[in-house]
C-alpha atoms as a PDB file:
ATOM      1  CA  UNK A   1      79.982  32.574 139.554  1.00  0.00           C
ATOM      2  CA  UNK A   2      80.836  35.058 136.764  1.00  0.00           C
ATOM      3  CA  UNK A   3      79.811  38.591 137.645  1.00  0.00           C
ATOM      4  CA  UNK A   4      79.309  37.974 141.338  1.00  0.00           C
ATOM      5  CA  UNK A   5      80.611  40.625 143.675  1.00  0.00           C
ATOM      6  CA  UNK A   6      83.493  39.331 145.764  1.00  0.00           C
ATOM      7  CA  UNK A   7      85.505  40.839 148.592  1.00  0.00           C
ATOM      8  CA  UNK A   8      88.891  39.625 147.311  1.00  0.00           C
ATOM      9  CA  UNK A   9      90.036  39.511 150.921  1.00  0.00           C
ATOM     10  CA  UNK A  10      92.209  36.824 152.487  1.00  0.00           C
ATOM     11  CA  UNK A  11      90.067  36.829 155.641  1.00  0.00           C
ATOM     12  CA  UNK A  12      88.078  33.610 156.113  1.00  0.00           C
ATOM     13  CA  UNK A  13      85.039  35.626 157.226  1.00  0.00           C
ATOM     14  CA  UNK A  14      85.159  37.573 153.967  1.00  0.00           C
ATOM     15  CA  UNK A  15      85.420  34.315 152.032  1.00  0.00           C
ATOM     16  CA  UNK A  16      82.412  32.947 153.925  1.00  0.00           C
ATOM     17  CA  UNK A  17      80.447  35.972 152.745  1.00  0.00           C
ATOM     18  CA  UNK A  18      81.679  35.311 149.211  1.00  0.00           C
ATOM     19  CA  UNK A  19      80.111  31.851 149.530  1.00  0.00           C
ATOM     20  CA  UNK A  20      76.816  32.565 151.315  1.00  0.00           C
ATOM     21  CA  UNK A  21      76.604  36.346 151.595  1.00  0.00           C
ATOM     22  CA  UNK A  22      74.543  37.056 148.481  1.00  0.00           C
ATOM     23  CA  UNK A  23      70.920  38.011 149.118  1.00  0.00           C
ATOM     24  CA  UNK A  24      68.710  34.950 149.754  1.00  0.00           C
ATOM     25  CA  UNK A  25      71.686  32.561 149.878  1.00  0.00           C
ATOM     26  CA  UNK A  26      71.693  32.018 153.634  1.00  0.00           C
ATOM     27  CA  UNK A  27      67.901  31.820 153.650  1.00  0.00           C
ATOM     28  CA  UNK A  28      68.108  29.032 151.074  1.00  0.00           C
ATOM     29  CA  UNK A  29      70.413  27.253 153.506  1.00  0.00           C
ATOM     30  CA  UNK A  30      67.894  27.880 156.294  1.00  0.00           C
ATOM     31  CA  UNK A  31      65.143  26.268 154.250  1.00  0.00           C
ATOM     32  CA  UNK A  32      67.231  23.116 153.781  1.00  0.00           C
ATOM     33  CA  UNK A  33      68.537  22.655 157.324  1.00  0.00           C
ATOM     34  CA  UNK A  34      65.676  20.316 158.219  1.00  0.00           C
ATOM     35  CA  UNK A  35      65.908  18.232 155.062  1.00  0.00           C
ATOM     36  CA  UNK A  36      65.805  18.291 151.248  1.00  0.00           C
ATOM     37  CA  UNK A  37      63.198  20.219 149.285  1.00  0.00           C
ATOM     38  CA  UNK A  38      61.930  20.538 145.758  1.00  0.00           C
ATOM     39  CA  UNK A  39      62.248  23.847 143.926  1.00  0.00           C
ATOM     40  CA  UNK A  40      58.534  24.528 144.455  1.00  0.00           C
ATOM     41  CA  UNK A  41      58.921  23.899 148.194  1.00  0.00           C
ATOM     42  CA  UNK A  42      61.755  26.410 148.320  1.00  0.00           C
ATOM     43  CA  UNK A  43      59.610  28.927 146.475  1.00  0.00           C
ATOM     44  CA  UNK A  44      56.876  28.491 149.077  1.00  0.00           C
ATOM     45  CA  UNK A  45      59.358  29.087 151.882  1.00  0.00           C
ATOM     46  CA  UNK A  46      60.915  32.099 150.169  1.00  0.00           C
ATOM     47  CA  UNK A  47      57.991  33.911 148.511  1.00  0.00           C
ATOM     48  CA  UNK A  48      59.975  37.135 148.205  1.00  0.00           C
ATOM     49  CA  UNK A  49      62.606  35.580 145.937  1.00  0.00           C
ATOM     50  CA  UNK A  50      61.781  35.538 142.239  1.00  0.00           C
ATOM     51  CA  UNK A  51      62.175  32.197 140.414  1.00  0.00           C
ATOM     52  CA  UNK A  52      65.174  33.564 138.485  1.00  0.00           C
ATOM     53  CA  UNK A  53      66.946  34.773 141.618  1.00  0.00           C
ATOM     54  CA  UNK A  54      66.233  31.527 143.442  1.00  0.00           C
ATOM     55  CA  UNK A  55      67.554  29.510 140.500  1.00  0.00           C
ATOM     56  CA  UNK A  56      70.716  31.617 140.474  1.00  0.00           C
ATOM     57  CA  UNK A  57      71.299  31.199 144.221  1.00  0.00           C
ATOM     58  CA  UNK A  58      70.785  27.437 143.975  1.00  0.00           C
ATOM     59  CA  UNK A  59      73.258  27.218 141.110  1.00  0.00           C
ATOM     60  CA  UNK A  60      75.863  29.283 142.943  1.00  0.00           C
ATOM     61  CA  UNK A  61      75.517  27.357 146.209  1.00  0.00           C
ATOM     62  CA  UNK A  62      75.815  24.093 144.299  1.00  0.00           C
ATOM     63  CA  UNK A  63      78.924  25.269 142.450  1.00  0.00           C
ATOM     64  CA  UNK A  64      80.740  26.122 145.694  1.00  0.00           C
ATOM     65  CA  UNK A  65      79.815  22.833 147.379  1.00  0.00           C
ATOM     66  CA  UNK A  66      77.183  23.995 149.877  1.00  0.00           C
ATOM     67  CA  UNK A  67      74.286  22.236 148.112  1.00  0.00           C
ATOM     68  CA  UNK A  68      73.709  19.326 145.793  1.00  0.00           C
ATOM     69  CA  UNK A  69      70.808  18.298 143.594  1.00  0.00           C
ATOM     70  CA  UNK A  70      69.621  14.707 143.412  1.00  0.00           C
ATOM     71  CA  UNK A  71      66.702  12.687 142.180  1.00  0.00           C
ATOM     72  CA  UNK A  72      64.509  10.882 144.689  1.00  0.00           C
ATOM     73  CA  UNK A  73      63.933   7.174 144.241  1.00  0.00           C
ATOM     74  CA  UNK A  74      60.619   6.007 142.724  1.00  0.00           C
ATOM     75  CA  UNK A  75      57.736   6.411 143.161  1.00  0.00           C
ATOM     76  CA  UNK A  76      58.492  10.095 143.922  1.00  0.00           C
ATOM     77  CA  UNK A  77      61.279  10.419 141.332  1.00  0.00           C
ATOM     78  CA  UNK A  78      61.367  14.208 141.728  1.00  0.00           C
ATOM     79  CA  UNK A  79      64.470  16.382 141.940  1.00  0.00           C
ATOM     80  CA  UNK A  80      65.374  17.913 145.279  1.00  0.00           C
ATOM     81  CA  UNK A  81      68.049  20.191 146.674  1.00  0.00           C
ATOM     82  CA  UNK A  82      69.842  19.303 149.884  1.00  0.00           C
ATOM     83  CA  UNK A  83      72.810  20.480 151.907  1.00  0.00           C
ATOM     84  CA  UNK A  84      76.109  18.691 151.513  1.00  0.00           C
ATOM     85  CA  UNK A  85      77.826  17.469 154.650  1.00  0.00           C
ATOM     86  CA  UNK A  86      79.894  20.653 154.597  1.00  0.00           C
ATOM     87  CA  UNK A  87      76.817  22.788 153.985  1.00  0.00           C
ATOM     88  CA  UNK A  88      75.048  21.164 156.943  1.00  0.00           C
ATOM     89  CA  UNK A  89      77.824  22.495 159.181  1.00  0.00           C
ATOM     90  CA  UNK A  90      76.143  25.892 158.780  1.00  0.00           C
ATOM     91  CA  UNK A  91      73.274  24.836 161.056  1.00  0.00           C
ATOM     92  CA  UNK A  92      74.745  26.019 164.372  1.00  0.00           C
ATOM     93  CA  UNK A  93      75.837  29.246 162.691  1.00  0.00           C
ATOM     94  CA  UNK A  94      72.352  29.950 161.324  1.00  0.00           C
ATOM     95  CA  UNK A  95      70.702  29.003 164.629  1.00  0.00           C
ATOM     96  CA  UNK A  96      73.101  31.173 166.595  1.00  0.00           C
ATOM     97  CA  UNK A  97      72.569  34.062 164.174  1.00  0.00           C
ATOM     98  CA  UNK A  98      68.839  33.732 164.765  1.00  0.00           C
ATOM     99  CA  UNK A  99      69.305  33.863 168.520  1.00  0.00           C
ATOM    100  CA  UNK A 100      71.616  36.871 168.209  1.00  0.00           C
ATOM    101  CA  UNK A 101      69.134  38.825 166.075  1.00  0.00           C
ATOM    102  CA  UNK A 102      66.216  37.925 168.349  1.00  0.00           C
ATOM    103  CA  UNK A 103      67.660  40.404 170.869  1.00  0.00           C
ATOM    104  CA  UNK A 104      67.093  43.244 168.404  1.00  0.00           C
ATOM    105  CA  UNK A 105      64.222  45.561 169.395  1.00  0.00           C
ATOM    106  CA  UNK A 106      63.594  45.969 165.673  1.00  0.00           C
ATOM    107  CA  UNK A 107      62.607  42.336 165.106  1.00  0.00           C
ATOM    108  CA  UNK A 108      59.120  42.303 163.601  1.00  0.00           C
ATOM    109  CA  UNK A 109      56.990  39.783 165.447  1.00  0.00           C
ATOM    110  CA  UNK A 110      54.024  40.717 163.246  1.00  0.00           C
ATOM    111  CA  UNK A 111      55.815  39.738 160.015  1.00  0.00           C
ATOM    112  CA  UNK A 112      55.123  36.413 158.275  1.00  0.00           C
ATOM    113  CA  UNK A 113      57.115  33.471 159.618  1.00  0.00           C
ATOM    114  CA  UNK A 114      57.615  30.295 157.586  1.00  0.00           C
ATOM    115  CA  UNK A 115      57.168  26.835 159.054  1.00  0.00           C
ATOM    116  CA  UNK A 116      60.872  25.995 158.890  1.00  0.00           C
ATOM    117  CA  UNK A 117      61.786  29.336 160.457  1.00  0.00           C
ATOM    118  CA  UNK A 118      59.373  28.686 163.294  1.00  0.00           C
ATOM    119  CA  UNK A 119      60.781  25.236 164.001  1.00  0.00           C
ATOM    120  CA  UNK A 120      64.386  26.450 163.766  1.00  0.00           C
ATOM    121  CA  UNK A 121      63.533  29.217 166.234  1.00  0.00           C
ATOM    122  CA  UNK A 122      62.957  26.447 168.781  1.00  0.00           C
ATOM    123  CA  UNK A 123      66.613  25.494 168.419  1.00  0.00           C
ATOM    124  CA  UNK A 124      67.655  29.137 168.673  1.00  0.00           C
ATOM    125  CA  UNK A 125      65.665  29.893 171.829  1.00  0.00           C
ATOM    126  CA  UNK A 126      65.923  26.564 173.644  1.00  0.00           C
ATOM    127  CA  UNK A 127      66.951  26.974 177.286  1.00  0.00           C
ATOM    128  CA  UNK A 128      68.771  23.807 178.285  1.00  0.00           C
ATOM    129  CA  UNK A 129      68.902  24.754 181.957  1.00  0.00           C
ATOM    130  CA  UNK A 130      65.097  24.999 182.055  1.00  0.00           C
ATOM    131  CA  UNK A 131      64.849  21.414 180.817  1.00  0.00           C
ATOM    132  CA  UNK A 132      66.653  19.908 183.819  1.00  0.00           C
ATOM    133  CA  UNK A 133      65.083  16.563 184.666  1.00  0.00           C
ATOM    134  CA  UNK A 134      62.791  16.708 181.643  1.00  0.00           C
ATOM    135  CA  UNK A 135      62.947  14.279 178.737  1.00  0.00           C
ATOM    136  CA  UNK A 136      60.240  14.023 176.105  1.00  0.00           C
ATOM    137  CA  UNK A 137      59.451  13.548 172.450  1.00  0.00           C
ATOM    138  CA  UNK A 138      56.963  16.005 170.970  1.00  0.00           C
ATOM    139  CA  UNK A 139      55.412  15.617 167.518  1.00  0.00           C
ATOM    140  CA  UNK A 140      54.489  18.897 165.845  1.00  0.00           C
ATOM    141  CA  UNK A 141      51.872  18.776 163.099  1.00  0.00           C
ATOM    142  CA  UNK A 142      51.706  22.135 161.369  1.00  0.00           C
ATOM    143  CA  UNK A 143      49.361  21.759 158.433  1.00  0.00           C
ATOM    144  CA  UNK A 144      50.970  19.268 156.059  1.00  0.00           C
ATOM    145  CA  UNK A 145      54.359  19.627 157.730  1.00  0.00           C
ATOM    146  CA  UNK A 146      55.448  17.092 160.318  1.00  0.00           C
ATOM    147  CA  UNK A 147      58.296  17.585 162.799  1.00  0.00           C
ATOM    148  CA  UNK A 148      59.639  15.702 165.785  1.00  0.00           C
ATOM    149  CA  UNK A 149      61.304  17.486 168.699  1.00  0.00           C
ATOM    150  CA  UNK A 150      63.223  15.513 171.303  1.00  0.00           C
ATOM    151  CA  UNK A 151      64.481  16.885 174.612  1.00  0.00           C
ATOM    152  CA  UNK A 152      67.106  14.782 176.400  1.00  0.00           C
ATOM    153  CA  UNK A 153      70.144  15.528 178.556  1.00  0.00           C
ATOM    154  CA  UNK A 154      69.572  19.260 178.300  1.00  0.00           C
ATOM    155  CA  UNK A 155      69.668  19.178 174.499  1.00  0.00           C
ATOM    156  CA  UNK A 156      67.009  19.695 171.838  1.00  0.00           C
ATOM    157  CA  UNK A 157      67.021  17.928 168.483  1.00  0.00           C
ATOM    158  CA  UNK A 158      64.494  18.594 165.742  1.00  0.00           C
ATOM    159  CA  UNK A 159      63.852  16.630 162.562  1.00  0.00           C
ATOM    160  CA  UNK A 160      61.383  16.837 159.717  1.00  0.00           C
ATOM    161  CA  UNK A 161      58.721  14.125 159.311  1.00  0.00           C
ATOM    162  CA  UNK A 162      57.716  11.403 161.667  1.00  0.00           C
ATOM    163  CA  UNK A 163      60.528   9.342 163.139  1.00  0.00           C
ATOM    164  CA  UNK A 164      60.008   5.757 164.323  1.00  0.00           C
ATOM    165  CA  UNK A 165      58.558   5.309 167.776  1.00  0.00           C
ATOM    166  CA  UNK A 166      55.721   6.959 169.698  1.00  0.00           C
ATOM    167  CA  UNK A 167      55.705  10.554 170.887  1.00  0.00           C
ATOM    168  CA  UNK A 168      54.799  11.622 174.420  1.00  0.00           C
ATOM    169  CA  UNK A 169      52.477  14.239 172.981  1.00  0.00           C
ATOM    170  CA  UNK A 170      51.265  15.343 169.554  1.00  0.00           C
ATOM    171  CA  UNK A 171      50.462  19.012 168.944  1.00  0.00           C
ATOM    172  CA  UNK A 172      48.325  19.461 165.829  1.00  0.00           C
ATOM    173  CA  UNK A 173      47.871  23.163 165.225  1.00  0.00           C
ATOM    174  CA  UNK A 174      48.758  26.118 163.019  1.00  0.00           C
ATOM    175  CA  UNK A 175      51.780  28.403 163.132  1.00  0.00           C
ATOM    176  CA  UNK A 176      49.968  31.359 164.694  1.00  0.00           C
ATOM    177  CA  UNK A 177      48.577  29.264 167.545  1.00  0.00           C
ATOM    178  CA  UNK A 178      51.915  27.600 168.250  1.00  0.00           C
ATOM    179  CA  UNK A 179      53.630  30.993 168.319  1.00  0.00           C
ATOM    180  CA  UNK A 180      51.023  32.298 170.765  1.00  0.00           C
ATOM    181  CA  UNK A 181      51.495  29.295 173.032  1.00  0.00           C
ATOM    182  CA  UNK A 182      55.263  29.772 172.975  1.00  0.00           C
ATOM    183  CA  UNK A 183      55.199  33.533 173.515  1.00  0.00           C
ATOM    184  CA  UNK A 184      52.435  33.837 176.089  1.00  0.00           C
ATOM    185  CA  UNK A 185      50.779  32.136 179.041  1.00  0.00           C
ATOM    186  CA  UNK A 186      47.654  31.286 177.067  1.00  0.00           C
ATOM    187  CA  UNK A 187      46.308  28.074 178.642  1.00  0.00           C
ATOM    188  CA  UNK A 188      46.498  24.976 176.476  1.00  0.00           C
ATOM    189  CA  UNK A 189      42.895  24.236 177.430  1.00  0.00           C
ATOM    190  CA  UNK A 190      41.796  27.530 175.878  1.00  0.00           C
ATOM    191  CA  UNK A 191      43.426  26.684 172.541  1.00  0.00           C
ATOM    192  CA  UNK A 192      41.927  23.197 172.685  1.00  0.00           C
ATOM    193  CA  UNK A 193      38.436  24.494 173.472  1.00  0.00           C
ATOM    194  CA  UNK A 194      38.510  26.855 170.493  1.00  0.00           C
ATOM    195  CA  UNK A 195      39.659  24.070 168.169  1.00  0.00           C
ATOM    196  CA  UNK A 196      42.937  25.827 167.379  1.00  0.00           C
ATOM    197  CA  UNK A 197      44.931  23.025 169.026  1.00  0.00           C
ATOM    198  CA  UNK A 198      44.360  19.289 168.884  1.00  0.00           C
ATOM    199  CA  UNK A 199      46.428  17.583 171.545  1.00  0.00           C
ATOM    200  CA  UNK A 200      47.046  13.865 171.817  1.00  0.00           C
ATOM    201  CA  UNK A 201      48.987  12.510 174.769  1.00  0.00           C
ATOM    202  CA  UNK A 202      50.260  14.095 177.964  1.00  0.00           C
ATOM    203  CA  UNK A 203      49.146  17.730 178.299  1.00  0.00           C
ATOM    204  CA  UNK A 204      51.591  18.277 181.181  1.00  0.00           C
ATOM    205  CA  UNK A 205      54.461  17.377 178.840  1.00  0.00           C
ATOM    206  CA  UNK A 206      53.180  19.852 176.272  1.00  0.00           C
ATOM    207  CA  UNK A 207      52.928  22.606 178.876  1.00  0.00           C
ATOM    208  CA  UNK A 208      56.469  21.984 180.129  1.00  0.00           C
ATOM    209  CA  UNK A 209      57.799  21.842 176.570  1.00  0.00           C
ATOM    210  CA  UNK A 210      56.292  25.197 175.557  1.00  0.00           C
ATOM    211  CA  UNK A 211      58.130  26.933 178.415  1.00  0.00           C
ATOM    212  CA  UNK A 212      61.606  25.898 177.272  1.00  0.00           C
ATOM    213  CA  UNK A 213      61.908  28.743 174.738  1.00  0.00           C
ATOM    214  CA  UNK A 214      62.021  32.091 176.571  1.00  0.00           C
ATOM    215  CA  UNK A 215      62.888  35.084 174.390  1.00  0.00           C
ATOM    216  CA  UNK A 216      66.299  36.584 175.171  1.00  0.00           C
ATOM    217  CA  UNK A 217      66.508  39.990 176.805  1.00  0.00           C
ATOM    218  CA  UNK A 218      66.431  42.698 174.096  1.00  0.00           C
ATOM    219  CA  UNK A 219      69.363  45.047 173.825  1.00  0.00           C
ATOM    220  CA  UNK A 220      69.107  48.709 174.760  1.00  0.00           C
ATOM    221  CA  UNK A 221      69.642  51.000 171.795  1.00  0.00           C
ATOM    222  CA  UNK A 222      70.872  54.544 172.197  1.00  0.00           C
ATOM    223  CA  UNK A 223      73.252  56.547 174.311  1.00  0.00           C
ATOM    224  CA  UNK A 224      72.845  55.530 177.981  1.00  0.00           C
ATOM    225  CA  UNK A 225      73.978  58.989 178.954  1.00  0.00           C
END
């Protein structure tokens, strides 16, 4: 922590920024919200952070109690970083921050979007009122990454990897195709016909699911007068 810039302010918001306000710190948290990762996994999710900077952020976040490092049981036996119970309490804050910023007209939809960011955006944009009367479990296969999304009682939960039990539908695709299906009215059949989407299960469930994430209305910037 030596040499870090601090606000030296008694405000709890200022102290929060002392803890997670350094560049890349909150994005490290974002990368771990869906489960632990190895250092190399974090590098893949944060390609703009140099190894030295990433190492420093991990050390700082561990020192303040947001993260911890542990060794996986054999046969993996590799070291991973994960959020502490206190660190995991940042999830609704990060998700809400994502929803807040999605109203910015300056958000770059053409910029690269990591797998974890894409899946967390589902939590940020989920419209519970649109899910009335709808309950389903959707498996998302995005390359080597596996996620499970469950809609029930107007709530969405998302977890990494396959959970026990069957899914109503499995969507096996890439990030760009999934984003297109979420952001447009492109027919599922079109994506299937081109080979960009491999769907197993109930297509009607998949079509209802994709419509639960409408983008919020962008703000108007400038003087209305």
